[in-house]
Amino acid sequence: MIPFDYMLWDADECAGYFGISKDYFLRKKRNQQGFPKPVSEDNEQPRWAAKAVAEWALNGKITQNLRAA
């Protein structure tokens, strides 16, 4: 098994992580401010570092929680 720190996610995997459709991920989510850039685009299939995507999501939730407090 590949350690999480070295995993690469395609658009389907990123969308699944966020619980959204692949189409929504490609049109909206990946274009949000600060979202990690793809680390590879093999055959026009972008892939993102799973750890970077998860950290971006966690940082967004922490920021939202701080604003609500």
PDB file of N, CA and C in Angstrom:
ATOM      1  N   MET A   1       0.845  -1.190   0.000  1.00  0.00           N
ATOM      2  CA  MET A   1       0.000   0.000   0.000  1.00  0.00           C
ATOM      3  C   MET A   1       0.886   1.247   0.000  1.00  0.00           C
ATOM      4  N   ILE A   2       0.465   2.229  -0.750  1.00  0.00           N
ATOM      5  CA  ILE A   2       1.212   3.491  -0.842  1.00  0.00           C
ATOM      6  C   ILE A   2       0.889   4.353   0.377  1.00  0.00           C
ATOM      7  N   PRO A   3       1.904   4.862   1.062  1.00  0.00           N
ATOM      8  CA  PRO A   3       1.644   5.759   2.194  1.00  0.00           C
ATOM      9  C   PRO A   3       0.892   7.017   1.737  1.00  0.00           C
ATOM     10  N   PHE A   4       0.023   7.519   2.604  1.00  0.00           N
ATOM     11  CA  PHE A   4      -0.800   8.680   2.275  1.00  0.00           C
ATOM     12  C   PHE A   4       0.039   9.860   1.789  1.00  0.00           C
ATOM     13  N   ASP A   5       1.192  10.066   2.383  1.00  0.00           N
ATOM     14  CA  ASP A   5       2.054  11.189   2.007  1.00  0.00           C
ATOM     15  C   ASP A   5       2.486  11.134   0.546  1.00  0.00           C
ATOM     16  N   TYR A   6       2.415   9.961  -0.071  1.00  0.00           N
ATOM     17  CA  TYR A   6       2.879   9.792  -1.454  1.00  0.00           C
ATOM     18  C   TYR A   6       1.748   9.506  -2.438  1.00  0.00           C
ATOM     19  N   MET A   7       0.516   9.482  -1.955  1.00  0.00           N
ATOM     20  CA  MET A   7      -0.616   9.184  -2.831  1.00  0.00           C
ATOM     21  C   MET A   7      -0.918  10.353  -3.755  1.00  0.00           C
ATOM     22  N   LEU A   8      -1.309  10.018  -4.971  1.00  0.00           N
ATOM     23  CA  LEU A   8      -1.799  11.004  -5.926  1.00  0.00           C
ATOM     24  C   LEU A   8      -3.254  10.676  -6.235  1.00  0.00           C
ATOM     25  N   TRP A   9      -4.098  11.690  -6.228  1.00  0.00           N
ATOM     26  CA  TRP A   9      -5.523  11.515  -6.512  1.00  0.00           C
ATOM     27  C   TRP A   9      -5.860  12.146  -7.844  1.00  0.00           C
ATOM     28  N   ASP A  10      -6.699  11.455  -8.608  1.00  0.00           N
ATOM     29  CA  ASP A  10      -7.233  12.052  -9.830  1.00  0.00           C
ATOM     30  C   ASP A  10      -8.519  12.805  -9.458  1.00  0.00           C
ATOM     31  N   ALA A  11      -9.196  13.349 -10.450  1.00  0.00           N
ATOM     32  CA  ALA A  11     -10.396  14.155 -10.189  1.00  0.00           C
ATOM     33  C   ALA A  11     -11.484  13.323  -9.513  1.00  0.00           C
ATOM     34  N   ASP A  12     -11.633  12.057  -9.909  1.00  0.00           N
ATOM     35  CA  ASP A  12     -12.641  11.191  -9.282  1.00  0.00           C
ATOM     36  C   ASP A  12     -12.368  11.016  -7.795  1.00  0.00           C
ATOM     37  N   GLU A  13     -11.124  10.789  -7.448  1.00  0.00           N
ATOM     38  CA  GLU A  13     -10.764  10.573  -6.045  1.00  0.00           C
ATOM     39  C   GLU A  13     -10.912  11.853  -5.230  1.00  0.00           C
ATOM     40  N   CYS A  14     -10.530  12.975  -5.805  1.00  0.00           N
ATOM     41  CA  CYS A  14     -10.712  14.254  -5.103  1.00  0.00           C
ATOM     42  C   CYS A  14     -12.199  14.528  -4.884  1.00  0.00           C
ATOM     43  N   ALA A  15     -12.996  14.325  -5.919  1.00  0.00           N
ATOM     44  CA  ALA A  15     -14.439  14.542  -5.800  1.00  0.00           C
ATOM     45  C   ALA A  15     -15.032  13.639  -4.726  1.00  0.00           C
ATOM     46  N   GLY A  16     -14.609  12.377  -4.698  1.00  0.00           N
ATOM     47  CA  GLY A  16     -15.097  11.451  -3.690  1.00  0.00           C
ATOM     48  C   GLY A  16     -14.727  11.896  -2.289  1.00  0.00           C
ATOM     49  N   TYR A  17     -13.536  12.415  -2.117  1.00  0.00           N
ATOM     50  CA  TYR A  17     -13.080  12.904  -0.813  1.00  0.00           C
ATOM     51  C   TYR A  17     -13.997  14.011  -0.301  1.00  0.00           C
ATOM     52  N   PHE A  18     -14.407  14.909  -1.211  1.00  0.00           N
ATOM     53  CA  PHE A  18     -15.261  16.030  -0.830  1.00  0.00           C
ATOM     54  C   PHE A  18     -16.747  15.685  -0.857  1.00  0.00           C
ATOM     55  N   GLY A  19     -17.090  14.514  -1.399  1.00  0.00           N
ATOM     56  CA  GLY A  19     -18.490  14.124  -1.488  1.00  0.00           C
ATOM     57  C   GLY A  19     -19.262  14.921  -2.522  1.00  0.00           C
ATOM     58  N   ILE A  20     -18.586  15.254  -3.621  1.00  0.00           N
ATOM     59  CA  ILE A  20     -19.203  16.029  -4.703  1.00  0.00           C
ATOM     60  C   ILE A  20     -18.995  15.285  -6.020  1.00  0.00           C
ATOM     61  N   SER A  21     -19.653  15.740  -7.064  1.00  0.00           N
ATOM     62  CA  SER A  21     -19.486  15.101  -8.372  1.00  0.00           C
ATOM     63  C   SER A  21     -18.139  15.490  -8.983  1.00  0.00           C
ATOM     64  N   LYS A  22     -17.666  14.648  -9.859  1.00  0.00           N
ATOM     65  CA  LYS A  22     -16.419  14.941 -10.569  1.00  0.00           C
ATOM     66  C   LYS A  22     -16.574  16.231 -11.372  1.00  0.00           C
ATOM     67  N   ASP A  23     -17.721  16.403 -11.998  1.00  0.00           N
ATOM     68  CA  ASP A  23     -17.965  17.600 -12.802  1.00  0.00           C
ATOM     69  C   ASP A  23     -17.872  18.862 -11.942  1.00  0.00           C
ATOM     70  N   TYR A  24     -18.509  18.837 -10.770  1.00  0.00           N
ATOM     71  CA  TYR A  24     -18.452  20.005  -9.878  1.00  0.00           C
ATOM     72  C   TYR A  24     -17.017  20.253  -9.418  1.00  0.00           C
ATOM     73  N   PHE A  25     -16.304  19.182  -9.088  1.00  0.00           N
ATOM     74  CA  PHE A  25     -14.912  19.343  -8.677  1.00  0.00           C
ATOM     75  C   PHE A  25     -14.105  20.029  -9.772  1.00  0.00           C
ATOM     76  N   LEU A  26     -14.245  19.545 -11.012  1.00  0.00           N
ATOM     77  CA  LEU A  26     -13.450  20.096 -12.120  1.00  0.00           C
ATOM     78  C   LEU A  26     -13.847  21.530 -12.460  1.00  0.00           C
ATOM     79  N   ARG A  27     -15.136  21.859 -12.336  1.00  0.00           N
ATOM     80  CA  ARG A  27     -15.592  23.200 -12.692  1.00  0.00           C
ATOM     81  C   ARG A  27     -15.367  24.218 -11.580  1.00  0.00           C
ATOM     82  N   LYS A  28     -15.537  23.819 -10.323  1.00  0.00           N
ATOM     83  CA  LYS A  28     -15.546  24.788  -9.228  1.00  0.00           C
ATOM     84  C   LYS A  28     -14.455  24.578  -8.175  1.00  0.00           C
ATOM     85  N   LYS A  29     -14.471  23.413  -7.553  1.00  0.00           N
ATOM     86  CA  LYS A  29     -13.640  23.187  -6.366  1.00  0.00           C
ATOM     87  C   LYS A  29     -12.157  23.389  -6.646  1.00  0.00           C
ATOM     88  N   ARG A  30     -11.655  22.814  -7.734  1.00  0.00           N
ATOM     89  CA  ARG A  30     -10.213  22.908  -7.981  1.00  0.00           C
ATOM     90  C   ARG A  30      -9.766  24.323  -8.330  1.00  0.00           C
ATOM     91  N   ASN A  31     -10.725  25.193  -8.618  1.00  0.00           N
ATOM     92  CA  ASN A  31     -10.404  26.581  -8.953  1.00  0.00           C
ATOM     93  C   ASN A  31     -10.542  27.519  -7.757  1.00  0.00           C
ATOM     94  N   GLN A  32     -10.877  26.967  -6.589  1.00  0.00           N
ATOM     95  CA  GLN A  32     -11.013  27.816  -5.413  1.00  0.00           C
ATOM     96  C   GLN A  32      -9.645  28.309  -4.959  1.00  0.00           C
ATOM     97  N   GLN A  33      -9.670  29.457  -4.318  1.00  0.00           N
ATOM     98  CA  GLN A  33      -8.431  30.102  -3.867  1.00  0.00           C
ATOM     99  C   GLN A  33      -7.605  29.149  -3.008  1.00  0.00           C
ATOM    100  N   GLY A  34      -6.343  29.031  -3.361  1.00  0.00           N
ATOM    101  CA  GLY A  34      -5.408  28.254  -2.569  1.00  0.00           C
ATOM    102  C   GLY A  34      -5.430  26.760  -2.818  1.00  0.00           C
ATOM    103  N   PHE A  35      -6.357  26.282  -3.673  1.00  0.00           N
ATOM    104  CA  PHE A  35      -6.401  24.831  -3.905  1.00  0.00           C
ATOM    105  C   PHE A  35      -5.084  24.400  -4.548  1.00  0.00           C
ATOM    106  N   PRO A  36      -4.528  23.264  -4.101  1.00  0.00           N
ATOM    107  CA  PRO A  36      -3.226  22.826  -4.617  1.00  0.00           C
ATOM    108  C   PRO A  36      -3.227  22.636  -6.133  1.00  0.00           C
ATOM    109  N   LYS A  37      -2.124  22.951  -6.728  1.00  0.00           N
ATOM    110  CA  LYS A  37      -1.943  22.724  -8.165  1.00  0.00           C
ATOM    111  C   LYS A  37      -1.698  21.228  -8.397  1.00  0.00           C
ATOM    112  N   PRO A  38      -2.110  20.714  -9.552  1.00  0.00           N
ATOM    113  CA  PRO A  38      -1.802  19.315  -9.852  1.00  0.00           C
ATOM    114  C   PRO A  38      -0.291  19.094  -9.875  1.00  0.00           C
ATOM    115  N   VAL A  39       0.128  17.924  -9.427  1.00  0.00           N
ATOM    116  CA  VAL A  39       1.555  17.606  -9.445  1.00  0.00           C
ATOM    117  C   VAL A  39       1.940  16.825 -10.688  1.00  0.00           C
ATOM    118  N   SER A  40       0.948  16.282 -11.383  1.00  0.00           N
ATOM    119  CA  SER A  40       1.225  15.616 -12.652  1.00  0.00           C
ATOM    120  C   SER A  40      -0.008  15.682 -13.530  1.00  0.00           C
ATOM    121  N   GLU A  41       0.225  15.689 -14.814  1.00  0.00           N
ATOM    122  CA  GLU A  41      -0.872  15.710 -15.772  1.00  0.00           C
ATOM    123  C   GLU A  41      -0.600  14.682 -16.857  1.00  0.00           C
ATOM    124  N   ASP A  42      -0.467  13.430 -16.453  1.00  0.00           N
ATOM    125  CA  ASP A  42      -0.230  12.348 -17.398  1.00  0.00           C
ATOM    126  C   ASP A  42      -1.436  12.166 -18.304  1.00  0.00           C
ATOM    127  N   ASN A  43      -1.203  12.190 -19.595  1.00  0.00           N
ATOM    128  CA  ASN A  43      -2.282  12.000 -20.577  1.00  0.00           C
ATOM    129  C   ASN A  43      -3.465  12.923 -20.322  1.00  0.00           C
ATOM    130  N   GLU A  44      -3.160  14.149 -19.968  1.00  0.00           N
ATOM    131  CA  GLU A  44      -4.178  15.162 -19.696  1.00  0.00           C
ATOM    132  C   GLU A  44      -5.067  14.798 -18.516  1.00  0.00           C
ATOM    133  N   GLN A  45      -4.607  13.916 -17.655  1.00  0.00           N
ATOM    134  CA  GLN A  45      -5.331  13.520 -16.446  1.00  0.00           C
ATOM    135  C   GLN A  45      -4.603  14.112 -15.252  1.00  0.00           C
ATOM    136  N   PRO A  46      -5.053  15.270 -14.759  1.00  0.00           N
ATOM    137  CA  PRO A  46      -4.339  15.866 -13.628  1.00  0.00           C
ATOM    138  C   PRO A  46      -4.437  14.993 -12.389  1.00  0.00           C
ATOM    139  N   ARG A  47      -3.394  15.044 -11.581  1.00  0.00           N
ATOM    140  CA  ARG A  47      -3.354  14.324 -10.304  1.00  0.00           C
ATOM    141  C   ARG A  47      -2.810  15.275  -9.245  1.00  0.00           C
ATOM    142  N   TRP A  48      -3.438  15.213  -8.091  1.00  0.00           N
ATOM    143  CA  TRP A  48      -3.074  16.073  -6.981  1.00  0.00           C
ATOM    144  C   TRP A  48      -2.501  15.240  -5.848  1.00  0.00           C
ATOM    145  N   ALA A  49      -1.587  15.835  -5.098  1.00  0.00           N
ATOM    146  CA  ALA A  49      -1.056  15.174  -3.910  1.00  0.00           C
ATOM    147  C   ALA A  49      -2.191  15.079  -2.888  1.00  0.00           C
ATOM    148  N   ALA A  50      -2.542  13.860  -2.498  1.00  0.00           N
ATOM    149  CA  ALA A  50      -3.657  13.640  -1.571  1.00  0.00           C
ATOM    150  C   ALA A  50      -3.449  14.415  -0.274  1.00  0.00           C
ATOM    151  N   LYS A  51      -2.240  14.404   0.223  1.00  0.00           N
ATOM    152  CA  LYS A  51      -1.945  15.102   1.476  1.00  0.00           C
ATOM    153  C   LYS A  51      -2.199  16.606   1.346  1.00  0.00           C
ATOM    154  N   ALA A  52      -1.813  17.190   0.216  1.00  0.00           N
ATOM    155  CA  ALA A  52      -2.024  18.625   0.006  1.00  0.00           C
ATOM    156  C   ALA A  52      -3.510  18.958  -0.082  1.00  0.00           C
ATOM    157  N   VAL A  53      -4.286  18.099  -0.731  1.00  0.00           N
ATOM    158  CA  VAL A  53      -5.734  18.316  -0.844  1.00  0.00           C
ATOM    159  C   VAL A  53      -6.372  18.235   0.544  1.00  0.00           C
ATOM    160  N   ALA A  54      -6.009  17.226   1.316  1.00  0.00           N
ATOM    161  CA  ALA A  54      -6.570  17.059   2.654  1.00  0.00           C
ATOM    162  C   ALA A  54      -6.179  18.228   3.561  1.00  0.00           C
ATOM    163  N   GLU A  55      -4.933  18.673   3.475  1.00  0.00           N
ATOM    164  CA  GLU A  55      -4.496  19.822   4.287  1.00  0.00           C
ATOM    165  C   GLU A  55      -5.245  21.081   3.890  1.00  0.00           C
ATOM    166  N   TRP A  56      -5.462  21.284   2.594  1.00  0.00           N
ATOM    167  CA  TRP A  56      -6.208  22.450   2.125  1.00  0.00           C
ATOM    168  C   TRP A  56      -7.629  22.416   2.696  1.00  0.00           C
ATOM    169  N   ALA A  57      -8.253  21.252   2.654  1.00  0.00           N
ATOM    170  CA  ALA A  57      -9.617  21.117   3.177  1.00  0.00           C
ATOM    171  C   ALA A  57      -9.644  21.374   4.681  1.00  0.00           C
ATOM    172  N   LEU A  58      -8.697  20.819   5.397  1.00  0.00           N
ATOM    173  CA  LEU A  58      -8.637  21.006   6.848  1.00  0.00           C
ATOM    174  C   LEU A  58      -8.396  22.471   7.193  1.00  0.00           C
ATOM    175  N   ASN A  59      -7.502  23.130   6.496  1.00  0.00           N
ATOM    176  CA  ASN A  59      -7.230  24.548   6.753  1.00  0.00           C
ATOM    177  C   ASN A  59      -8.470  25.391   6.512  1.00  0.00           C
ATOM    178  N   GLY A  60      -9.240  25.060   5.502  1.00  0.00           N
ATOM    179  CA  GLY A  60     -10.481  25.784   5.226  1.00  0.00           C
ATOM    180  C   GLY A  60     -11.491  25.611   6.343  1.00  0.00           C
ATOM    181  N   LYS A  61     -11.599  24.393   6.886  1.00  0.00           N
ATOM    182  CA  LYS A  61     -12.537  24.143   7.979  1.00  0.00           C
ATOM    183  C   LYS A  61     -12.100  24.851   9.249  1.00  0.00           C
ATOM    184  N   ILE A  62     -10.811  24.872   9.513  1.00  0.00           N
ATOM    185  CA  ILE A  62     -10.304  25.572  10.699  1.00  0.00           C
ATOM    186  C   ILE A  62     -10.604  27.059  10.581  1.00  0.00           C
ATOM    187  N   THR A  63     -10.374  27.624   9.390  1.00  0.00           N
ATOM    188  CA  THR A  63     -10.639  29.045   9.167  1.00  0.00           C
ATOM    189  C   THR A  63     -12.117  29.353   9.351  1.00  0.00           C
ATOM    190  N   GLN A  64     -12.999  28.485   8.821  1.00  0.00           N
ATOM    191  CA  GLN A  64     -14.445  28.700   8.975  1.00  0.00           C
ATOM    192  C   GLN A  64     -14.846  28.632  10.439  1.00  0.00           C
ATOM    193  N   ASN A  65     -14.293  27.676  11.175  1.00  0.00           N
ATOM    194  CA  ASN A  65     -14.611  27.543  12.584  1.00  0.00           C
ATOM    195  C   ASN A  65     -14.143  28.749  13.390  1.00  0.00           C
ATOM    196  N   LEU A  66     -12.996  29.301  13.049  1.00  0.00           N
ATOM    197  CA  LEU A  66     -12.493  30.487  13.746  1.00  0.00           C
ATOM    198  C   LEU A  66     -13.388  31.688  13.485  1.00  0.00           C
ATOM    199  N   ARG A  67     -13.884  31.814  12.269  1.00  0.00           N
ATOM    200  CA  ARG A  67     -14.762  32.933  11.940  1.00  0.00           C
ATOM    201  C   ARG A  67     -16.094  32.820  12.678  1.00  0.00           C
ATOM    202  N   ALA A  68     -16.553  31.593  12.881  1.00  0.00           N
ATOM    203  CA  ALA A  68     -17.839  31.368  13.548  1.00  0.00           C
ATOM    204  C   ALA A  68     -17.731  31.578  15.057  1.00  0.00           C
ATOM    205  N   ALA A  69     -16.538  31.473  15.593  1.00  0.00           N
ATOM    206  CA  ALA A  69     -16.366  31.569  17.062  1.00  0.00           C
ATOM    207  C   ALA A  69     -16.485  32.992  17.571  1.00  0.00           C
TER     208      ALA A  69
END
